[in-house]
C-alpha atoms as a PDB file:
ATOM      1  CA  UNK A   1     -17.903  33.122  62.984  1.00  0.00           C
ATOM      2  CA  UNK A   2     -18.175  29.370  62.643  1.00  0.00           C
ATOM      3  CA  UNK A   3     -17.251  26.703  65.097  1.00  0.00           C
ATOM      4  CA  UNK A   4     -14.876  23.825  64.455  1.00  0.00           C
ATOM      5  CA  UNK A   5     -14.704  20.922  66.839  1.00  0.00           C
ATOM      6  CA  UNK A   6     -11.169  20.093  67.978  1.00  0.00           C
ATOM      7  CA  UNK A   7     -11.108  17.166  70.362  1.00  0.00           C
ATOM      8  CA  UNK A   8     -13.883  17.894  72.859  1.00  0.00           C
ATOM      9  CA  UNK A   9     -13.430  21.654  72.894  1.00  0.00           C
ATOM     10  CA  UNK A  10     -15.292  23.945  70.583  1.00  0.00           C
ATOM     11  CA  UNK A  11     -13.443  26.950  69.551  1.00  0.00           C
ATOM     12  CA  UNK A  12     -14.601  29.736  67.289  1.00  0.00           C
ATOM     13  CA  UNK A  13     -12.838  30.036  63.921  1.00  0.00           C
ATOM     14  CA  UNK A  14     -13.240  33.058  61.709  1.00  0.00           C
ATOM     15  CA  UNK A  15     -14.995  32.340  58.390  1.00  0.00           C
ATOM     16  CA  UNK A  16     -12.018  33.807  56.492  1.00  0.00           C
ATOM     17  CA  UNK A  17      -9.710  31.055  57.847  1.00  0.00           C
ATOM     18  CA  UNK A  18     -12.118  28.352  56.709  1.00  0.00           C
ATOM     19  CA  UNK A  19     -12.333  29.987  53.256  1.00  0.00           C
ATOM     20  CA  UNK A  20      -8.532  30.378  53.125  1.00  0.00           C
ATOM     21  CA  UNK A  21      -8.064  26.664  53.900  1.00  0.00           C
ATOM     22  CA  UNK A  22     -10.414  25.806  51.038  1.00  0.00           C
ATOM     23  CA  UNK A  23      -8.445  28.083  48.671  1.00  0.00           C
ATOM     24  CA  UNK A  24      -5.154  26.447  49.701  1.00  0.00           C
ATOM     25  CA  UNK A  25      -6.661  22.986  49.119  1.00  0.00           C
ATOM     26  CA  UNK A  26      -8.000  24.102  45.709  1.00  0.00           C
ATOM     27  CA  UNK A  27      -4.597  25.542  44.799  1.00  0.00           C
ATOM     28  CA  UNK A  28      -2.904  22.271  45.811  1.00  0.00           C
ATOM     29  CA  UNK A  29      -5.319  20.314  43.618  1.00  0.00           C
ATOM     30  CA  UNK A  30      -4.750  22.726  40.717  1.00  0.00           C
ATOM     31  CA  UNK A  31      -0.974  22.451  41.163  1.00  0.00           C
ATOM     32  CA  UNK A  32      -1.111  18.641  41.156  1.00  0.00           C
ATOM     33  CA  UNK A  33      -3.312  18.695  38.074  1.00  0.00           C
ATOM     34  CA  UNK A  34      -0.896  21.078  36.311  1.00  0.00           C
ATOM     35  CA  UNK A  35       2.079  18.841  37.151  1.00  0.00           C
ATOM     36  CA  UNK A  36       0.219  15.777  35.854  1.00  0.00           C
ATOM     37  CA  UNK A  37      -0.774  17.567  32.656  1.00  0.00           C
ATOM     38  CA  UNK A  38       2.793  18.776  32.097  1.00  0.00           C
ATOM     39  CA  UNK A  39       4.267  15.319  32.700  1.00  0.00           C
ATOM     40  CA  UNK A  40       1.692  13.431  30.629  1.00  0.00           C
ATOM     41  CA  UNK A  41       3.218  14.250  27.194  1.00  0.00           C
ATOM     42  CA  UNK A  42       6.642  13.231  28.465  1.00  0.00           C
ATOM     43  CA  UNK A  43       5.340   9.927  29.815  1.00  0.00           C
ATOM     44  CA  UNK A  44       3.377   9.199  26.643  1.00  0.00           C
ATOM     45  CA  UNK A  45       6.399  10.070  24.480  1.00  0.00           C
ATOM     46  CA  UNK A  46       8.739   7.742  26.378  1.00  0.00           C
ATOM     47  CA  UNK A  47       7.084   4.551  25.204  1.00  0.00           C
ATOM     48  CA  UNK A  48       6.317   5.540  21.657  1.00  0.00           C
ATOM     49  CA  UNK A  49       8.291   4.823  18.523  1.00  0.00           C
ATOM     50  CA  UNK A  50      10.683   7.533  17.226  1.00  0.00           C
ATOM     51  CA  UNK A  51       8.789   7.571  13.933  1.00  0.00           C
ATOM     52  CA  UNK A  52       8.771   5.497  10.783  1.00  0.00           C
ATOM     53  CA  UNK A  53      11.517   2.898  10.701  1.00  0.00           C
ATOM     54  CA  UNK A  54      13.215   1.777   7.503  1.00  0.00           C
ATOM     55  CA  UNK A  55      12.725  -1.845   6.577  1.00  0.00           C
ATOM     56  CA  UNK A  56      15.873  -3.848   7.255  1.00  0.00           C
ATOM     57  CA  UNK A  57      16.819  -5.468   3.953  1.00  0.00           C
ATOM     58  CA  UNK A  58      18.198  -8.992   3.672  1.00  0.00           C
ATOM     59  CA  UNK A  59      21.732  -8.507   2.362  1.00  0.00           C
ATOM     60  CA  UNK A  60      24.704 -10.605   1.320  1.00  0.00           C
ATOM     61  CA  UNK A  61      28.381  -9.549   1.437  1.00  0.00           C
ATOM     62  CA  UNK A  62      29.593  -7.645  -1.632  1.00  0.00           C
ATOM     63  CA  UNK A  63      33.112  -6.233  -1.978  1.00  0.00           C
ATOM     64  CA  UNK A  64      35.553  -5.627  -4.770  1.00  0.00           C
ATOM     65  CA  UNK A  65      37.711  -3.192  -6.720  1.00  0.00           C
ATOM     66  CA  UNK A  66      36.766  -0.307  -9.028  1.00  0.00           C
ATOM     67  CA  UNK A  67      39.142   0.724 -11.825  1.00  0.00           C
ATOM     68  CA  UNK A  68      39.094   2.980 -14.887  1.00  0.00           C
ATOM     69  CA  UNK A  69      41.325   1.952 -17.792  1.00  0.00           C
ATOM     70  CA  UNK A  70      43.250  -0.270 -15.366  1.00  0.00           C
ATOM     71  CA  UNK A  71      43.809   2.452 -12.726  1.00  0.00           C
ATOM     72  CA  UNK A  72      42.206   2.195  -9.259  1.00  0.00           C
ATOM     73  CA  UNK A  73      39.620   4.887  -8.546  1.00  0.00           C
ATOM     74  CA  UNK A  74      39.921   6.599  -5.149  1.00  0.00           C
ATOM     75  CA  UNK A  75      37.038   8.389  -3.371  1.00  0.00           C
ATOM     76  CA  UNK A  76      34.332   7.200  -5.733  1.00  0.00           C
ATOM     77  CA  UNK A  77      30.882   6.131  -4.541  1.00  0.00           C
ATOM     78  CA  UNK A  78      29.359   3.047  -6.134  1.00  0.00           C
ATOM     79  CA  UNK A  79      25.584   2.618  -5.867  1.00  0.00           C
ATOM     80  CA  UNK A  80      23.732  -0.627  -6.556  1.00  0.00           C
ATOM     81  CA  UNK A  81      20.087   0.239  -7.284  1.00  0.00           C
ATOM     82  CA  UNK A  82      17.872  -2.878  -7.103  1.00  0.00           C
ATOM     83  CA  UNK A  83      15.629  -3.093 -10.157  1.00  0.00           C
ATOM     84  CA  UNK A  84      12.744  -4.223  -7.920  1.00  0.00           C
ATOM     85  CA  UNK A  85      12.727  -0.927  -5.989  1.00  0.00           C
ATOM     86  CA  UNK A  86      14.343  -2.042  -2.727  1.00  0.00           C
ATOM     87  CA  UNK A  87      16.781   0.160  -0.859  1.00  0.00           C
ATOM     88  CA  UNK A  88      20.114   0.686  -2.677  1.00  0.00           C
ATOM     89  CA  UNK A  89      23.536  -0.395  -1.472  1.00  0.00           C
ATOM     90  CA  UNK A  90      26.406   2.081  -1.420  1.00  0.00           C
ATOM     91  CA  UNK A  91      30.156   1.678  -1.157  1.00  0.00           C
ATOM     92  CA  UNK A  92      33.092   4.113  -1.229  1.00  0.00           C
ATOM     93  CA  UNK A  93      36.471   3.282  -2.720  1.00  0.00           C
ATOM     94  CA  UNK A  94      39.792   3.666  -0.926  1.00  0.00           C
ATOM     95  CA  UNK A  95      43.163   4.590  -2.518  1.00  0.00           C
ATOM     96  CA  UNK A  96      43.465   1.090  -4.009  1.00  0.00           C
ATOM     97  CA  UNK A  97      39.936   1.233  -5.501  1.00  0.00           C
ATOM     98  CA  UNK A  98      38.652  -1.298  -2.915  1.00  0.00           C
ATOM     99  CA  UNK A  99      35.074  -1.041  -1.653  1.00  0.00           C
ATOM    100  CA  UNK A 100      32.511  -2.896   0.469  1.00  0.00           C
ATOM    101  CA  UNK A 101      28.817  -2.311  -0.191  1.00  0.00           C
ATOM    102  CA  UNK A 102      26.387  -1.380   2.580  1.00  0.00           C
ATOM    103  CA  UNK A 103      22.598  -1.213   2.681  1.00  0.00           C
ATOM    104  CA  UNK A 104      21.376  -1.230   6.281  1.00  0.00           C
ATOM    105  CA  UNK A 105      24.709  -0.057   7.675  1.00  0.00           C
ATOM    106  CA  UNK A 106      28.196   0.607   6.349  1.00  0.00           C
ATOM    107  CA  UNK A 107      29.735  -2.487   4.763  1.00  0.00           C
ATOM    108  CA  UNK A 108      26.936  -4.953   5.587  1.00  0.00           C
ATOM    109  CA  UNK A 109      26.333  -5.934   1.945  1.00  0.00           C
ATOM    110  CA  UNK A 110      23.771  -5.561  -0.835  1.00  0.00           C
ATOM    111  CA  UNK A 111      20.379  -7.171  -1.469  1.00  0.00           C
ATOM    112  CA  UNK A 112      20.536 -10.196  -3.761  1.00  0.00           C
ATOM    113  CA  UNK A 113      19.131  -9.641  -7.253  1.00  0.00           C
ATOM    114  CA  UNK A 114      19.672  -7.449 -10.294  1.00  0.00           C
ATOM    115  CA  UNK A 115      20.975  -3.911  -9.796  1.00  0.00           C
ATOM    116  CA  UNK A 116      21.592  -0.868 -11.954  1.00  0.00           C
ATOM    117  CA  UNK A 117      24.970   0.664 -11.078  1.00  0.00           C
ATOM    118  CA  UNK A 118      26.033   4.295 -10.749  1.00  0.00           C
ATOM    119  CA  UNK A 119      29.461   5.703  -9.929  1.00  0.00           C
ATOM    120  CA  UNK A 120      30.201   9.257  -8.786  1.00  0.00           C
ATOM    121  CA  UNK A 121      33.250  10.979  -7.335  1.00  0.00           C
ATOM    122  CA  UNK A 122      33.098  12.191  -3.727  1.00  0.00           C
ATOM    123  CA  UNK A 123      35.248  15.055  -2.574  1.00  0.00           C
ATOM    124  CA  UNK A 124      37.683  13.905   0.107  1.00  0.00           C
ATOM    125  CA  UNK A 125      36.503  14.590   3.676  1.00  0.00           C
ATOM    126  CA  UNK A 126      37.620  17.853   5.235  1.00  0.00           C
ATOM    127  CA  UNK A 127      40.646  17.749   7.511  1.00  0.00           C
ATOM    128  CA  UNK A 128      39.576  21.007   9.195  1.00  0.00           C
ATOM    129  CA  UNK A 129      38.162  20.945  12.718  1.00  0.00           C
ATOM    130  CA  UNK A 130      34.341  20.680  12.843  1.00  0.00           C
ATOM    131  CA  UNK A 131      32.839  24.124  12.413  1.00  0.00           C
ATOM    132  CA  UNK A 132      36.130  25.443  10.999  1.00  0.00           C
ATOM    133  CA  UNK A 133      35.774  24.022   7.470  1.00  0.00           C
ATOM    134  CA  UNK A 134      36.807  26.262   4.599  1.00  0.00           C
ATOM    135  CA  UNK A 135      33.911  27.337   2.388  1.00  0.00           C
ATOM    136  CA  UNK A 136      34.707  27.316  -1.321  1.00  0.00           C
ATOM    137  CA  UNK A 137      32.252  29.406  -3.343  1.00  0.00           C
ATOM    138  CA  UNK A 138      34.003  29.132  -6.702  1.00  0.00           C
ATOM    139  CA  UNK A 139      33.383  25.753  -8.415  1.00  0.00           C
ATOM    140  CA  UNK A 140      36.706  26.111 -10.258  1.00  0.00           C
ATOM    141  CA  UNK A 141      38.487  25.920  -6.880  1.00  0.00           C
ATOM    142  CA  UNK A 142      36.750  22.733  -5.710  1.00  0.00           C
ATOM    143  CA  UNK A 143      38.939  19.615  -5.453  1.00  0.00           C
ATOM    144  CA  UNK A 144      39.074  17.416  -8.538  1.00  0.00           C
ATOM    145  CA  UNK A 145      39.420  13.635  -8.730  1.00  0.00           C
ATOM    146  CA  UNK A 146      42.845  12.203  -9.506  1.00  0.00           C
ATOM    147  CA  UNK A 147      41.236  10.272 -12.356  1.00  0.00           C
ATOM    148  CA  UNK A 148      38.200  11.710 -14.161  1.00  0.00           C
ATOM    149  CA  UNK A 149      35.627   9.217 -15.489  1.00  0.00           C
ATOM    150  CA  UNK A 150      32.942   9.882 -18.103  1.00  0.00           C
ATOM    151  CA  UNK A 151      29.827  11.598 -16.690  1.00  0.00           C
ATOM    152  CA  UNK A 152      27.604   8.835 -18.127  1.00  0.00           C
ATOM    153  CA  UNK A 153      28.471   6.636 -15.110  1.00  0.00           C
ATOM    154  CA  UNK A 154      26.739   9.068 -12.706  1.00  0.00           C
ATOM    155  CA  UNK A 155      23.217   8.038 -13.784  1.00  0.00           C
ATOM    156  CA  UNK A 156      21.498   4.665 -13.688  1.00  0.00           C
ATOM    157  CA  UNK A 157      19.833   5.543 -17.000  1.00  0.00           C
ATOM    158  CA  UNK A 158      23.100   6.214 -18.852  1.00  0.00           C
ATOM    159  CA  UNK A 159      25.794   4.147 -17.105  1.00  0.00           C
ATOM    160  CA  UNK A 160      25.006   0.967 -19.010  1.00  0.00           C
ATOM    161  CA  UNK A 161      26.146  -0.966 -15.912  1.00  0.00           C
ATOM    162  CA  UNK A 162      24.162  -3.719 -14.233  1.00  0.00           C
ATOM    163  CA  UNK A 163      25.253  -6.183 -11.589  1.00  0.00           C
ATOM    164  CA  UNK A 164      23.677  -9.461 -10.523  1.00  0.00           C
ATOM    165  CA  UNK A 165      24.200 -10.170  -6.818  1.00  0.00           C
ATOM    166  CA  UNK A 166      23.791 -13.898  -6.099  1.00  0.00           C
ATOM    167  CA  UNK A 167      22.390 -15.281  -2.824  1.00  0.00           C
ATOM    168  CA  UNK A 168      25.918 -16.248  -1.745  1.00  0.00           C
ATOM    169  CA  UNK A 169      27.230 -12.683  -2.248  1.00  0.00           C
ATOM    170  CA  UNK A 170      30.262 -11.451  -4.173  1.00  0.00           C
ATOM    171  CA  UNK A 171      33.858 -11.202  -3.029  1.00  0.00           C
ATOM    172  CA  UNK A 172      36.585  -9.713  -5.187  1.00  0.00           C
ATOM    173  CA  UNK A 173      34.083  -8.206  -7.652  1.00  0.00           C
ATOM    174  CA  UNK A 174      35.983  -6.371 -10.385  1.00  0.00           C
ATOM    175  CA  UNK A 175      34.274  -3.331 -11.916  1.00  0.00           C
ATOM    176  CA  UNK A 176      36.422  -2.124 -14.808  1.00  0.00           C
ATOM    177  CA  UNK A 177      35.284   1.075 -16.501  1.00  0.00           C
ATOM    178  CA  UNK A 178      36.456   1.926 -20.031  1.00  0.00           C
END
């Protein structure tokens, strides 16, 4: 037995109680340490960057109309690929063939400079509820564009199209495919 002084009285305390108090204190310290170690990655992650960020390109407004043999092209994607390697601008045509290019976000414009141009058809968006879309396994059953354009326009190497985007931008740009 050991003695612990409480006030002015000395009272005997069994050794096991003293050892048990030390174990409880050690367990409390271990628990605090575990909580700190578990929370540390969360705290460190809160202030860090979400990862690499894309460079925001300087852009100017670019919009216009896309036609093939005089007919407006609906649901086609136009890509302006800067010849200097910067991020491309993309626009999608509506029923009237109208489009607005976007680089950093939808419709914000295209980088000034010289661009190679590609044009591809996009299937119309599904009208089914999310998760309820119909899967079509047979390519022959996939939707087709109202107006088919030559496949050469789908590649920057074969389209033969280039577009200069001036510092002031382009409004009412007419892209007429033949």
